[in-house]
Amino acid sequence: MIRILISVSFFLCCQLAFAQNYGTVTGIVTDAEKQPLIKATVSIVSATDSTVLSYSLTDETGKFKLIRIPAQRDLALYITHINSSPFRREIRLIPKEELTLDTLLMSGNNLDEVVITQVAPVRLNGDTLEYKVDYFKTRPNANVEELLQLLPGLQVNVDGTIYYQGRQVSAVRVNNKDFFAQDLTLATRNLDASLIDLVQVIKDKGDSKREILDDSELPIVINLKTKKEFVKADFGKFYGSGGTRDRYESGALVNTFRDTLQISFIGYANNLSRQGFDYSELSQYGGMDRAENNSYSYMS
């Protein structure tokens, strides 16, 4: 019994000490006319490695609150809004500090000249939420799925399904084009995170040109914008393995990007009784059901 009490006491002391190493940052964001800025993006970034630690959007009164911010570390506060110039301030919290920044005045955009010196880690660009990938550190050779797991507001389940603020993502695109639209994991688990420059979360309006007042029911789509050097590039991956009793498994994913043209090849072979592609998947992923004259043979 005494051991249990000692263990519980030690655990509570550790939790208390751990909680004391964090602080809170609050404030109000206004525009140049001192009117509240709604849906301004507020981010806390580590000054040493530019890792995003927390982010939030301002409410209808321009207020924001960021909790569990690490104390005794050099941090940078970023605030961005489509109608204002970016705001940046260096901060350093002491343990358990509740830092109130009062009213933060954002200057208006300069329409005569636009000079971009640094892109914010998270920003709301119109109706699109954008994550700058350089601020989110992944391990070498990490895939896109591992990158998405680091982005605040996104949840990736074990089966590969993706949720944004509790709503399931319906499709993943690459440079605004569907990438094997029927299966999100073909993009998230096969493309390298190092290829991606921006991750965009979009409420998809489809081909509709009319103004939509309530976009809460629109499908959620993730668009992966590749870095400029991969807009015209050939890239992919190959893998293979062998074992006892002549067992083997191999696969390949090859992509060719030429501005608006995107061609991808995916192949899979094994003698382990693992399923590859069936007839319906070839029709969906390969686009064979779009041909006017379907003339091809299929073998398991």
Protein backbone atom coordinates (compact mmCIF):
# COMPACT_ATOMS: atom_id res chain seq x y z
CA MET A 1 0.00 0.00 0.00
CA ILE A 2 2.83 2.36 0.89
CA ARG A 3 4.50 1.67 -2.47
CA ILE A 4 1.27 2.54 -4.26
CA LEU A 5 0.93 5.81 -2.35
CA ILE A 6 4.55 6.72 -3.07
CA SER A 7 4.10 5.92 -6.77
CA VAL A 8 0.92 8.00 -6.98
CA SER A 9 2.56 10.91 -5.18
CA PHE A 10 5.58 10.77 -7.47
CA PHE A 11 3.33 10.69 -10.54
CA LEU A 12 1.30 13.70 -9.33
CA CYS A 13 4.48 15.66 -8.58
CA CYS A 14 5.82 14.91 -12.06
CA GLN A 15 2.53 16.00 -13.64
CA LEU A 16 2.54 19.22 -11.61
CA ALA A 17 6.13 20.01 -12.55
CA PHE A 18 5.36 19.22 -16.19
CA ALA A 19 2.32 21.52 -16.18
CA GLN A 20 4.36 24.35 -14.68
CA ASN A 21 6.65 24.40 -17.73
CA TYR A 22 3.87 25.81 -19.88
CA GLY A 23 2.12 29.14 -20.25
CA THR A 24 -0.77 30.84 -22.02
CA VAL A 25 -0.86 33.62 -24.62
CA THR A 26 -3.98 35.71 -25.28
CA GLY A 27 -4.69 38.87 -27.24
CA ILE A 28 -6.97 40.82 -29.57
CA VAL A 29 -6.14 41.43 -33.23
CA THR A 30 -7.46 44.52 -35.04
CA ASP A 31 -6.94 46.00 -38.50
CA ALA A 32 -5.58 49.43 -39.37
CA GLU A 33 -9.02 50.93 -38.65
CA LYS A 34 -9.00 49.31 -35.19
CA GLN A 35 -11.78 46.92 -36.18
CA PRO A 36 -11.59 43.27 -35.04
CA LEU A 37 -9.94 40.93 -37.53
CA ILE A 38 -11.98 37.74 -37.86
CA LYS A 39 -10.24 34.46 -38.76
CA ALA A 40 -6.75 35.87 -38.57
CA THR A 41 -4.23 33.03 -38.19
CA VAL A 42 -2.14 33.14 -35.01
CA SER A 43 0.83 30.76 -34.74
CA ILE A 44 3.54 30.08 -32.17
CA VAL A 45 6.83 28.91 -33.70
CA SER A 46 10.07 27.78 -32.09
CA ALA A 47 12.76 30.35 -32.85
CA THR A 48 15.51 27.71 -32.97
CA ASP A 49 14.15 25.25 -35.55
CA SER A 50 10.95 26.98 -36.85
CA THR A 51 8.74 24.13 -35.61
CA VAL A 52 5.06 25.07 -35.23
CA LEU A 53 4.03 24.55 -31.59
CA SER A 54 0.45 25.85 -31.65
CA TYR A 55 -1.96 27.82 -33.79
CA SER A 56 -5.46 29.27 -33.61
CA LEU A 57 -7.91 31.52 -35.48
CA THR A 58 -9.34 34.73 -34.03
CA ASP A 59 -13.06 34.78 -33.23
CA GLU A 60 -15.73 37.34 -34.14
CA THR A 61 -14.27 39.87 -31.69
CA GLY A 62 -10.67 39.36 -32.86
CA LYS A 63 -9.69 37.46 -29.71
CA PHE A 64 -7.37 34.46 -29.60
CA LYS A 65 -6.04 32.18 -26.87
CA LEU A 66 -3.13 29.77 -27.16
CA ILE A 67 -2.66 27.32 -24.30
CA ARG A 68 0.16 24.95 -23.25
CA ILE A 69 2.88 27.10 -24.80
CA PRO A 70 6.37 25.93 -23.72
CA ALA A 71 8.02 28.23 -21.19
CA GLN A 72 11.65 29.32 -21.02
CA ARG A 73 12.11 28.97 -24.80
CA ASP A 74 12.69 31.56 -27.50
CA LEU A 75 9.45 31.72 -29.49
CA ALA A 76 7.99 33.76 -32.35
CA LEU A 77 4.36 34.84 -32.61
CA TYR A 78 3.06 35.06 -36.20
CA ILE A 79 -0.24 36.68 -37.16
CA THR A 80 -1.46 36.72 -40.76
CA HIS A 81 -4.64 37.87 -42.50
CA ILE A 82 -5.44 38.22 -46.17
CA ASN A 83 -6.29 41.93 -45.74
CA SER A 84 -3.24 42.89 -43.66
CA SER A 85 0.52 42.68 -43.69
CA PRO A 86 2.04 39.84 -41.60
CA PHE A 87 2.83 40.52 -37.94
CA ARG A 88 5.72 38.95 -36.00
CA ARG A 89 6.85 39.33 -32.39
CA GLU A 90 9.49 37.53 -30.31
CA ILE A 91 8.24 36.19 -26.97
CA ARG A 92 9.61 34.16 -24.07
CA LEU A 93 7.34 32.87 -21.32
CA ILE A 94 8.13 32.08 -17.72
CA PRO A 95 6.52 28.94 -16.21
CA LYS A 96 2.75 29.28 -15.61
CA GLU A 97 2.73 32.77 -17.15
CA GLU A 98 -0.52 34.04 -18.71
CA LEU A 99 0.77 36.56 -21.23
CA THR A 100 -1.82 39.09 -22.42
CA LEU A 101 -0.80 41.05 -25.51
CA ASP A 102 -3.77 43.45 -25.34
CA THR A 103 -4.65 44.85 -28.77
CA LEU A 104 -2.37 43.95 -31.69
CA LEU A 105 -2.76 46.43 -34.54
CA MET A 106 -2.22 44.97 -38.01
CA SER A 107 -1.12 47.36 -40.77
CA GLY A 108 -2.90 47.37 -44.13
CA ASN A 109 -1.46 45.85 -47.30
CA ASN A 110 0.72 48.02 -49.51
CA LEU A 111 -0.93 47.92 -52.93
CA ASP A 112 1.94 49.67 -54.72
CA GLU A 113 4.61 47.14 -53.82
CA VAL A 114 4.51 43.62 -52.35
CA VAL A 115 7.66 42.25 -50.77
CA ILE A 116 7.45 38.74 -49.27
CA THR A 117 10.26 38.13 -46.80
CA GLN A 118 8.89 35.13 -44.92
CA VAL A 119 5.82 32.93 -45.27
CA ALA A 120 3.78 32.20 -42.13
CA PRO A 121 3.63 28.54 -41.02
CA VAL A 122 -0.19 28.47 -41.04
CA ARG A 123 -2.39 31.01 -42.76
CA LEU A 124 -5.95 31.39 -44.00
CA ASN A 125 -5.88 32.38 -47.68
CA GLY A 126 -9.47 33.22 -48.52
CA ASP A 127 -11.41 30.04 -47.72
CA THR A 128 -8.28 27.87 -47.93
CA LEU A 129 -6.17 26.94 -44.91
CA GLU A 130 -2.49 26.60 -45.88
CA TYR A 131 0.34 24.86 -44.03
CA LYS A 132 3.92 25.74 -44.99
CA VAL A 133 5.65 22.36 -44.89
CA ASP A 134 9.13 23.73 -44.12
CA TYR A 135 7.95 24.54 -40.58
CA PHE A 136 6.99 20.93 -39.80
CA LYS A 137 9.99 18.66 -39.30
CA THR A 138 9.67 15.06 -40.49
CA ARG A 139 12.16 12.21 -40.43
CA PRO A 140 14.20 11.52 -43.59
CA ASN A 141 12.22 9.68 -46.30
CA ALA A 142 8.92 10.30 -44.49
CA ASN A 143 5.76 10.02 -46.57
CA VAL A 144 2.91 12.52 -46.81
CA GLU A 145 0.82 10.64 -44.25
CA GLU A 146 3.49 11.20 -41.59
CA LEU A 147 3.57 14.88 -42.53
CA LEU A 148 -0.21 15.23 -42.18
CA GLN A 149 -0.02 13.73 -38.69
CA LEU A 150 2.08 16.73 -37.61
CA LEU A 151 -0.32 19.40 -38.88
CA PRO A 152 -2.56 20.92 -36.18
CA GLY A 153 -6.24 20.48 -36.93
CA LEU A 154 -5.73 17.30 -39.00
CA GLN A 155 -6.23 13.75 -37.72
CA VAL A 156 -4.96 10.66 -39.57
CA ASN A 157 -6.36 7.29 -38.52
CA VAL A 158 -4.66 3.91 -38.73
CA ASP A 159 -6.65 2.97 -41.86
CA GLY A 160 -5.45 6.13 -43.63
CA THR A 161 -8.67 8.15 -43.37
CA ILE A 162 -8.12 11.84 -42.70
CA TYR A 163 -10.30 14.20 -40.65
CA TYR A 164 -10.21 17.98 -40.46
CA GLN A 165 -12.01 19.47 -37.44
CA GLY A 166 -14.10 16.32 -37.11
CA ARG A 167 -15.06 16.06 -40.80
CA GLN A 168 -13.67 13.38 -43.10
CA VAL A 169 -11.50 14.44 -46.03
CA SER A 170 -13.05 13.19 -49.26
CA ALA A 171 -10.08 13.47 -51.66
CA VAL A 172 -6.37 14.24 -51.94
CA ARG A 173 -5.09 16.20 -54.92
CA VAL A 174 -1.62 17.00 -56.20
CA ASN A 175 -1.29 20.49 -57.71
CA ASN A 176 -5.11 20.72 -57.90
CA LYS A 177 -5.45 17.44 -59.83
CA ASP A 178 -6.89 14.20 -58.48
CA PHE A 179 -4.23 11.63 -57.59
CA PHE A 180 -5.97 8.22 -57.63
CA ALA A 181 -9.07 9.92 -56.24
CA GLN A 182 -10.78 6.74 -55.04
CA ASP A 183 -8.05 5.90 -52.51
CA LEU A 184 -6.42 8.65 -50.44
CA THR A 185 -3.64 6.38 -49.20
CA LEU A 186 -2.16 5.95 -52.69
CA ALA A 187 -1.06 9.57 -52.42
CA THR A 188 -0.42 9.90 -48.68
CA ARG A 189 1.54 6.66 -48.28
CA ASN A 190 3.51 6.71 -51.53
CA LEU A 191 4.53 10.34 -52.06
CA ASP A 192 7.51 11.67 -50.10
CA ALA A 193 6.93 14.59 -47.75
CA SER A 194 10.09 16.24 -49.11
CA LEU A 195 8.28 16.90 -52.42
CA ILE A 196 5.60 19.07 -50.83
CA ASP A 197 5.76 22.84 -50.41
CA LEU A 198 2.21 23.62 -49.21
CA VAL A 199 -0.63 21.54 -47.78
CA GLN A 200 -3.98 23.20 -48.49
CA VAL A 201 -7.29 22.33 -46.83
CA ILE A 202 -10.11 23.34 -49.19
CA LYS A 203 -13.89 23.31 -48.95
CA ASP A 204 -14.63 22.05 -52.43
CA LYS A 205 -17.29 23.97 -54.36
CA GLY A 206 -16.85 21.81 -57.45
CA ASP A 207 -17.61 23.56 -60.75
CA SER A 208 -20.20 25.86 -59.22
CA LYS A 209 -19.57 29.57 -59.85
CA ARG A 210 -22.35 30.87 -57.62
CA GLU A 211 -21.71 32.26 -54.17
CA ILE A 212 -22.29 29.75 -51.38
CA LEU A 213 -23.44 31.33 -48.14
CA ASP A 214 -23.22 28.19 -45.98
CA ASP A 215 -20.09 26.15 -46.74
CA SER A 216 -20.30 23.96 -43.63
CA GLU A 217 -21.58 20.98 -45.65
CA LEU A 218 -19.13 21.24 -48.55
CA PRO A 219 -16.73 18.28 -48.94
CA ILE A 220 -13.22 18.74 -47.51
CA VAL A 221 -10.33 18.24 -49.96
CA ILE A 222 -6.57 18.31 -49.31
CA ASN A 223 -4.39 19.72 -52.08
CA LEU A 224 -0.64 19.04 -52.06
CA LYS A 225 1.36 21.73 -53.84
CA THR A 226 4.75 20.40 -54.85
CA LYS A 227 7.94 22.43 -54.78
CA LYS A 228 8.82 24.27 -57.99
CA GLU A 229 11.59 21.86 -58.90
CA PHE A 230 9.05 19.03 -59.06
CA VAL A 231 6.54 20.77 -61.34
CA LYS A 232 8.57 19.33 -64.25
CA ALA A 233 10.13 16.15 -62.94
CA ASP A 234 10.18 12.36 -62.97
CA PHE A 235 10.24 10.70 -59.59
CA GLY A 236 9.04 7.61 -57.78
CA LYS A 237 10.10 4.58 -55.78
CA PHE A 238 10.78 0.88 -56.26
CA TYR A 239 10.93 -1.84 -53.65
CA GLY A 240 11.41 -5.58 -53.55
CA SER A 241 12.03 -8.39 -51.09
CA GLY A 242 12.64 -12.15 -51.16
CA GLY A 243 12.43 -14.93 -48.64
CA THR A 244 12.46 -18.66 -48.14
CA ARG A 245 10.57 -21.10 -50.41
CA ASP A 246 10.95 -18.66 -53.32
CA ARG A 247 8.58 -16.10 -51.78
CA TYR A 248 8.82 -12.56 -53.11
CA GLU A 249 7.10 -9.18 -53.07
CA SER A 250 7.78 -6.13 -55.21
CA GLY A 251 6.21 -2.86 -56.23
CA ALA A 252 6.79 0.47 -57.93
CA LEU A 253 5.32 3.97 -58.15
CA VAL A 254 6.55 6.19 -60.99
CA ASN A 255 5.32 9.75 -61.61
CA THR A 256 5.86 12.15 -64.50
CA PHE A 257 4.82 15.78 -63.95
CA ARG A 258 4.90 18.29 -66.81
CA ASP A 259 3.05 21.44 -65.70
CA THR A 260 -0.60 20.50 -66.26
CA LEU A 261 0.18 16.91 -67.36
CA GLN A 262 0.47 14.28 -64.64
CA ILE A 263 1.06 10.59 -65.38
CA SER A 264 1.44 8.02 -62.61
CA PHE A 265 2.15 4.29 -62.78
CA ILE A 266 1.68 1.97 -59.84
CA GLY A 267 2.46 -1.75 -59.92
CA TYR A 268 2.42 -4.57 -57.37
CA ALA A 269 3.43 -8.24 -57.55
CA ASN A 270 3.86 -11.05 -55.03
CA ASN A 271 3.30 -14.76 -54.44
CA LEU A 272 2.17 -14.33 -50.83
CA SER A 273 -1.56 -14.50 -51.64
CA ARG A 274 -1.87 -10.77 -51.01
CA GLN A 275 -4.43 -9.03 -53.17
CA GLY A 276 -3.22 -6.51 -55.73
CA PHE A 277 -5.76 -4.78 -57.98
CA ASP A 278 -9.10 -6.28 -58.92
CA TYR A 279 -11.21 -5.42 -61.96
CA SER A 280 -13.14 -2.59 -60.26
CA GLU A 281 -9.95 -0.99 -58.96
CA LEU A 282 -8.43 -1.00 -62.43
CA SER A 283 -11.53 0.77 -63.70
CA GLN A 284 -11.47 3.35 -60.90
CA TYR A 285 -7.76 4.05 -60.47
CA GLY A 286 -6.62 3.42 -64.02
CA GLY A 287 -9.45 5.40 -65.59
CA MET A 288 -10.31 2.54 -67.93
CA ASP A 289 -14.01 3.16 -67.43
CA ARG A 290 -13.57 6.56 -69.14
CA ALA A 291 -12.60 5.03 -72.49
CA GLU A 292 -15.23 4.96 -75.24
CA ASN A 293 -14.14 1.49 -76.45
CA ASN A 294 -12.94 -0.70 -73.61
CA SER A 295 -10.71 -3.28 -75.27
CA TYR A 296 -8.33 -4.90 -72.81
CA SER A 297 -7.84 -8.20 -71.01
CA TYR A 298 -7.44 -8.76 -67.30
CA MET A 299 -5.57 -11.51 -65.44
CA SER A 300 -5.30 -12.00 -61.69
